[in-house]
Amino acid sequence: MEEQATTTDAAQDQTADIENNKVMGILAYILFIIPLLAAKDSRFAMYHANQGLSLFVVAVASHVILAFVPFFGALLSGLASLGILALMIIGIIGASRGEMKPLPLVGGLSLLK
């Protein structure tokens, strides 16, 4: 009986964390540093901060690499920007719904503990 009460309390704590930090989850995809500073105790905010940081690292790396590709680099860089924007929108929608789903392609990266 006591184990069931503990499980219920943990689920309520997680639900409260999500509801209290949805804005931080959304901001993580726009500027990942904000949740790192303002909501470092929130599991939900830190998950989305990690996703936002991963997306930022992939965006910078792709643009740096594509800068060295002659002629097609500019075209591919534009396509990469559109892909990054699409992933940002997917992440923002997921955070606003209270979901903790990894982003396609970059969601497996874990840069924060």
N, C-alpha and C. Protein backbone atom coordinates (compact mmCIF):
# COMPACT_ATOMS: atom_id res chain seq x y z
N MET A 1 0.82 -1.19 0.00
CA MET A 1 0.00 0.00 0.00
C MET A 1 0.87 1.26 0.00
N GLU A 2 1.94 1.23 0.79
CA GLU A 2 2.83 2.38 0.88
C GLU A 2 3.55 2.63 -0.44
N GLU A 3 3.90 1.55 -1.15
CA GLU A 3 4.58 1.67 -2.44
C GLU A 3 3.67 2.36 -3.47
N GLN A 4 2.38 2.05 -3.44
CA GLN A 4 1.42 2.65 -4.37
C GLN A 4 1.29 4.15 -4.08
N ALA A 5 1.30 4.55 -2.82
CA ALA A 5 1.21 5.96 -2.44
C ALA A 5 2.44 6.71 -2.93
N THR A 6 3.61 6.09 -2.85
CA THR A 6 4.84 6.71 -3.31
C THR A 6 4.79 6.93 -4.82
N THR A 7 4.28 5.94 -5.56
CA THR A 7 4.16 6.05 -7.01
C THR A 7 3.20 7.17 -7.38
N THR A 8 2.10 7.28 -6.66
CA THR A 8 1.12 8.34 -6.92
C THR A 8 1.72 9.71 -6.64
N ASP A 9 2.47 9.84 -5.55
CA ASP A 9 3.12 11.10 -5.22
C ASP A 9 4.13 11.50 -6.29
N ALA A 10 4.90 10.53 -6.81
CA ALA A 10 5.88 10.81 -7.85
C ALA A 10 5.20 11.28 -9.12
N ALA A 11 4.07 10.66 -9.46
CA ALA A 11 3.33 11.06 -10.66
C ALA A 11 2.76 12.47 -10.49
N GLN A 12 2.29 12.80 -9.31
CA GLN A 12 1.77 14.14 -9.05
C GLN A 12 2.88 15.17 -9.10
N ASP A 13 4.05 14.83 -8.57
CA ASP A 13 5.20 15.74 -8.62
C ASP A 13 5.62 15.99 -10.06
N GLN A 14 5.63 14.94 -10.88
CA GLN A 14 6.01 15.09 -12.28
C GLN A 14 4.99 15.95 -13.02
N THR A 15 3.71 15.75 -12.77
CA THR A 15 2.67 16.55 -13.40
C THR A 15 2.79 18.01 -12.99
N ALA A 16 3.06 18.27 -11.72
CA ALA A 16 3.23 19.64 -11.24
C ALA A 16 4.47 20.28 -11.88
N ASP A 17 5.55 19.50 -12.01
CA ASP A 17 6.77 20.00 -12.64
C ASP A 17 6.49 20.42 -14.08
N ILE A 18 5.76 19.59 -14.81
CA ILE A 18 5.45 19.90 -16.21
C ILE A 18 4.59 21.16 -16.29
N GLU A 19 3.55 21.24 -15.49
CA GLU A 19 2.65 22.40 -15.54
C GLU A 19 3.38 23.69 -15.15
N ASN A 20 4.25 23.61 -14.17
CA ASN A 20 4.96 24.82 -13.70
C ASN A 20 6.08 25.26 -14.64
N ASN A 21 6.55 24.37 -15.51
CA ASN A 21 7.72 24.69 -16.33
C ASN A 21 7.50 24.57 -17.83
N LYS A 22 6.25 24.63 -18.27
CA LYS A 22 5.97 24.57 -19.71
C LYS A 22 6.62 25.74 -20.44
N VAL A 23 6.57 26.92 -19.86
CA VAL A 23 7.17 28.09 -20.50
C VAL A 23 8.68 27.90 -20.63
N MET A 24 9.31 27.35 -19.61
CA MET A 24 10.75 27.09 -19.68
C MET A 24 11.06 26.06 -20.76
N GLY A 25 10.20 25.06 -20.90
CA GLY A 25 10.37 24.06 -21.95
C GLY A 25 10.29 24.68 -23.33
N ILE A 26 9.36 25.59 -23.51
CA ILE A 26 9.22 26.28 -24.80
C ILE A 26 10.42 27.18 -25.05
N LEU A 27 10.84 27.93 -24.04
CA LEU A 27 11.98 28.84 -24.20
C LEU A 27 13.28 28.10 -24.49
N ALA A 28 13.35 26.84 -24.10
CA ALA A 28 14.57 26.05 -24.31
C ALA A 28 14.91 25.92 -25.80
N TYR A 29 13.92 25.96 -26.65
CA TYR A 29 14.18 25.83 -28.09
C TYR A 29 14.52 27.18 -28.74
N ILE A 30 14.23 28.26 -28.04
CA ILE A 30 14.55 29.58 -28.56
C ILE A 30 15.90 30.05 -28.02
N LEU A 31 16.10 29.88 -26.73
CA LEU A 31 17.35 30.25 -26.08
C LEU A 31 17.57 29.28 -24.91
N PHE A 32 18.31 28.21 -25.15
CA PHE A 32 18.44 27.10 -24.20
C PHE A 32 19.03 27.49 -22.87
N ILE A 33 19.73 28.59 -22.78
CA ILE A 33 20.41 28.99 -21.55
C ILE A 33 19.42 29.43 -20.46
N ILE A 34 18.26 29.92 -20.85
CA ILE A 34 17.28 30.42 -19.87
C ILE A 34 16.83 29.31 -18.92
N PRO A 35 16.39 28.15 -19.41
CA PRO A 35 16.02 27.09 -18.45
C PRO A 35 17.20 26.58 -17.63
N LEU A 36 18.40 26.63 -18.20
CA LEU A 36 19.58 26.18 -17.45
C LEU A 36 19.81 27.05 -16.22
N LEU A 37 19.49 28.33 -16.34
CA LEU A 37 19.69 29.25 -15.22
C LEU A 37 18.47 29.36 -14.31
N ALA A 38 17.28 29.36 -14.89
CA ALA A 38 16.07 29.65 -14.12
C ALA A 38 15.35 28.42 -13.58
N ALA A 39 15.54 27.26 -14.21
CA ALA A 39 14.77 26.08 -13.78
C ALA A 39 15.65 24.84 -13.75
N LYS A 40 16.83 24.96 -13.16
CA LYS A 40 17.76 23.84 -13.17
C LYS A 40 17.32 22.66 -12.31
N ASP A 41 16.33 22.86 -11.45
CA ASP A 41 15.82 21.76 -10.62
C ASP A 41 14.65 21.02 -11.27
N SER A 42 14.19 21.51 -12.41
CA SER A 42 13.05 20.91 -13.09
C SER A 42 13.53 19.87 -14.10
N ARG A 43 13.08 18.65 -13.93
CA ARG A 43 13.43 17.57 -14.87
C ARG A 43 12.88 17.89 -16.27
N PHE A 44 11.66 18.41 -16.33
CA PHE A 44 11.01 18.74 -17.60
C PHE A 44 11.78 19.85 -18.34
N ALA A 45 12.10 20.93 -17.64
CA ALA A 45 12.81 22.05 -18.25
C ALA A 45 14.22 21.63 -18.69
N MET A 46 14.89 20.82 -17.89
CA MET A 46 16.23 20.38 -18.25
C MET A 46 16.22 19.43 -19.44
N TYR A 47 15.18 18.60 -19.56
CA TYR A 47 15.06 17.73 -20.72
C TYR A 47 14.97 18.57 -22.00
N HIS A 48 14.11 19.58 -21.97
CA HIS A 48 13.94 20.42 -23.16
C HIS A 48 15.16 21.34 -23.38
N ALA A 49 15.83 21.73 -22.31
CA ALA A 49 17.07 22.50 -22.47
C ALA A 49 18.13 21.65 -23.18
N ASN A 50 18.19 20.37 -22.84
CA ASN A 50 19.12 19.46 -23.51
C ASN A 50 18.77 19.33 -24.99
N GLN A 51 17.48 19.20 -25.28
CA GLN A 51 17.04 19.10 -26.67
C GLN A 51 17.37 20.39 -27.43
N GLY A 52 17.14 21.54 -26.80
CA GLY A 52 17.45 22.83 -27.42
C GLY A 52 18.94 23.00 -27.65
N LEU A 53 19.75 22.60 -26.67
CA LEU A 53 21.21 22.68 -26.81
C LEU A 53 21.69 21.75 -27.93
N SER A 54 21.16 20.55 -27.98
CA SER A 54 21.53 19.61 -29.04
C SER A 54 21.20 20.17 -30.41
N LEU A 55 20.03 20.76 -30.53
CA LEU A 55 19.60 21.36 -31.79
C LEU A 55 20.53 22.52 -32.16
N PHE A 56 20.92 23.33 -31.19
CA PHE A 56 21.83 24.45 -31.43
C PHE A 56 23.19 23.96 -31.91
N VAL A 57 23.72 22.93 -31.26
CA VAL A 57 25.04 22.39 -31.64
C VAL A 57 24.99 21.83 -33.06
N VAL A 58 23.93 21.10 -33.38
CA VAL A 58 23.79 20.55 -34.74
C VAL A 58 23.65 21.67 -35.75
N ALA A 59 22.92 22.73 -35.43
CA ALA A 59 22.76 23.86 -36.35
C ALA A 59 24.09 24.54 -36.62
N VAL A 60 24.84 24.82 -35.57
CA VAL A 60 26.14 25.48 -35.74
C VAL A 60 27.09 24.59 -36.52
N ALA A 61 27.15 23.31 -36.17
CA ALA A 61 28.05 22.39 -36.87
C ALA A 61 27.69 22.27 -38.34
N SER A 62 26.40 22.17 -38.65
CA SER A 62 26.00 22.03 -40.05
C SER A 62 26.34 23.29 -40.84
N HIS A 63 26.15 24.45 -40.26
CA HIS A 63 26.46 25.69 -40.98
C HIS A 63 27.96 25.89 -41.16
N VAL A 64 28.74 25.49 -40.17
CA VAL A 64 30.21 25.60 -40.29
C VAL A 64 30.71 24.65 -41.38
N ILE A 65 30.23 23.43 -41.36
CA ILE A 65 30.66 22.44 -42.36
C ILE A 65 30.22 22.87 -43.75
N LEU A 66 28.98 23.33 -43.88
CA LEU A 66 28.47 23.71 -45.20
C LEU A 66 29.11 25.00 -45.72
N ALA A 67 29.71 25.80 -44.84
CA ALA A 67 30.40 27.01 -45.28
C ALA A 67 31.62 26.67 -46.14
N PHE A 68 32.15 25.47 -45.98
CA PHE A 68 33.34 25.07 -46.74
C PHE A 68 33.00 24.33 -48.03
N VAL A 69 31.71 24.11 -48.28
CA VAL A 69 31.30 23.42 -49.51
C VAL A 69 31.06 24.48 -50.58
N PRO A 70 31.83 24.45 -51.65
CA PRO A 70 31.65 25.47 -52.68
C PRO A 70 30.33 25.30 -53.43
N PHE A 71 29.76 26.38 -53.84
CA PHE A 71 28.55 26.52 -54.63
C PHE A 71 27.32 25.91 -53.97
N PHE A 72 27.27 24.62 -53.76
CA PHE A 72 26.09 23.97 -53.19
C PHE A 72 25.95 24.21 -51.69
N GLY A 73 27.01 24.70 -51.06
CA GLY A 73 26.98 24.95 -49.63
C GLY A 73 25.91 25.94 -49.24
N ALA A 74 25.74 27.00 -50.02
CA ALA A 74 24.73 28.01 -49.71
C ALA A 74 23.33 27.42 -49.82
N LEU A 75 23.10 26.64 -50.83
CA LEU A 75 21.79 26.00 -51.00
C LEU A 75 21.53 25.00 -49.87
N LEU A 76 22.51 24.18 -49.57
CA LEU A 76 22.35 23.19 -48.51
C LEU A 76 22.22 23.86 -47.14
N SER A 77 22.89 24.98 -46.96
CA SER A 77 22.79 25.72 -45.70
C SER A 77 21.37 26.25 -45.51
N GLY A 78 20.77 26.71 -46.58
CA GLY A 78 19.38 27.17 -46.51
C GLY A 78 18.43 26.03 -46.17
N LEU A 79 18.65 24.88 -46.77
CA LEU A 79 17.83 23.71 -46.46
C LEU A 79 18.04 23.26 -45.02
N ALA A 80 19.28 23.32 -44.56
CA ALA A 80 19.57 22.95 -43.17
C ALA A 80 18.85 23.90 -42.21
N SER A 81 18.81 25.18 -42.55
CA SER A 81 18.11 26.16 -41.71
C SER A 81 16.62 25.85 -41.63
N LEU A 82 16.04 25.48 -42.74
CA LEU A 82 14.63 25.10 -42.74
C LEU A 82 14.38 23.86 -41.89
N GLY A 83 15.29 22.91 -41.97
CA GLY A 83 15.18 21.70 -41.15
C GLY A 83 15.29 22.01 -39.67
N ILE A 84 16.22 22.89 -39.31
CA ILE A 84 16.39 23.29 -37.91
C ILE A 84 15.14 24.00 -37.42
N LEU A 85 14.58 24.88 -38.25
CA LEU A 85 13.35 25.58 -37.89
C LEU A 85 12.20 24.60 -37.66
N ALA A 86 12.10 23.61 -38.54
CA ALA A 86 11.05 22.59 -38.38
C ALA A 86 11.23 21.82 -37.07
N LEU A 87 12.46 21.47 -36.73
CA LEU A 87 12.71 20.76 -35.48
C LEU A 87 12.41 21.64 -34.26
N MET A 88 12.71 22.94 -34.38
CA MET A 88 12.37 23.88 -33.30
C MET A 88 10.86 23.91 -33.07
N ILE A 89 10.11 23.97 -34.15
CA ILE A 89 8.65 24.01 -34.03
C ILE A 89 8.11 22.73 -33.42
N ILE A 90 8.66 21.59 -33.84
CA ILE A 90 8.25 20.30 -33.26
C ILE A 90 8.53 20.29 -31.76
N GLY A 91 9.71 20.77 -31.36
CA GLY A 91 10.07 20.81 -29.94
C GLY A 91 9.18 21.76 -29.15
N ILE A 92 8.88 22.91 -29.69
CA ILE A 92 8.02 23.88 -29.01
C ILE A 92 6.61 23.32 -28.83
N ILE A 93 6.10 22.67 -29.85
CA ILE A 93 4.77 22.07 -29.75
C ILE A 93 4.76 20.97 -28.69
N GLY A 94 5.79 20.13 -28.70
CA GLY A 94 5.88 19.07 -27.70
C GLY A 94 5.96 19.61 -26.28
N ALA A 95 6.77 20.65 -26.08
CA ALA A 95 6.90 21.24 -24.75
C ALA A 95 5.59 21.89 -24.30
N SER A 96 4.88 22.53 -25.22
CA SER A 96 3.62 23.17 -24.86
C SER A 96 2.55 22.15 -24.50
N ARG A 97 2.68 20.94 -25.02
CA ARG A 97 1.75 19.85 -24.69
C ARG A 97 2.17 19.09 -23.44
N GLY A 98 3.33 19.40 -22.89
CA GLY A 98 3.82 18.71 -21.70
C GLY A 98 4.46 17.37 -22.00
N GLU A 99 4.89 17.17 -23.24
CA GLU A 99 5.50 15.91 -23.65
C GLU A 99 7.01 15.97 -23.50
N MET A 100 7.60 14.81 -23.30
CA MET A 100 9.05 14.68 -23.24
C MET A 100 9.50 13.68 -24.29
N LYS A 101 9.19 14.00 -25.54
CA LYS A 101 9.57 13.14 -26.66
C LYS A 101 10.84 13.68 -27.29
N PRO A 102 11.76 12.81 -27.66
CA PRO A 102 12.98 13.29 -28.32
C PRO A 102 12.69 13.79 -29.73
N LEU A 103 13.44 14.79 -30.14
CA LEU A 103 13.31 15.33 -31.49
C LEU A 103 13.82 14.32 -32.51
N PRO A 104 13.26 14.32 -33.70
CA PRO A 104 13.80 13.46 -34.75
C PRO A 104 15.24 13.86 -35.08
N LEU A 105 16.07 12.92 -35.37
CA LEU A 105 17.48 13.08 -35.78
C LEU A 105 18.41 13.52 -34.66
N VAL A 106 18.07 14.52 -33.88
CA VAL A 106 19.00 15.04 -32.86
C VAL A 106 18.57 14.70 -31.44
N GLY A 107 17.42 14.09 -31.26
CA GLY A 107 16.89 13.84 -29.93
C GLY A 107 17.69 12.84 -29.11
N GLY A 108 18.49 12.03 -29.76
CA GLY A 108 19.29 11.05 -29.04
C GLY A 108 20.54 11.61 -28.39
N LEU A 109 20.90 12.83 -28.73
CA LEU A 109 22.09 13.46 -28.14
C LEU A 109 21.80 13.88 -26.70
N SER A 110 22.70 13.57 -25.81
CA SER A 110 22.54 13.98 -24.41
C SER A 110 23.77 14.78 -24.00
N LEU A 111 23.64 16.09 -24.03
CA LEU A 111 24.75 16.96 -23.72
C LEU A 111 24.74 17.46 -22.28
N LEU A 112 23.58 17.41 -21.63
CA LEU A 112 23.43 17.83 -20.25
C LEU A 112 23.11 16.63 -19.37
N LYS A 113 23.53 16.69 -18.13
CA LYS A 113 23.22 15.61 -17.18
C LYS A 113 21.93 15.87 -16.48
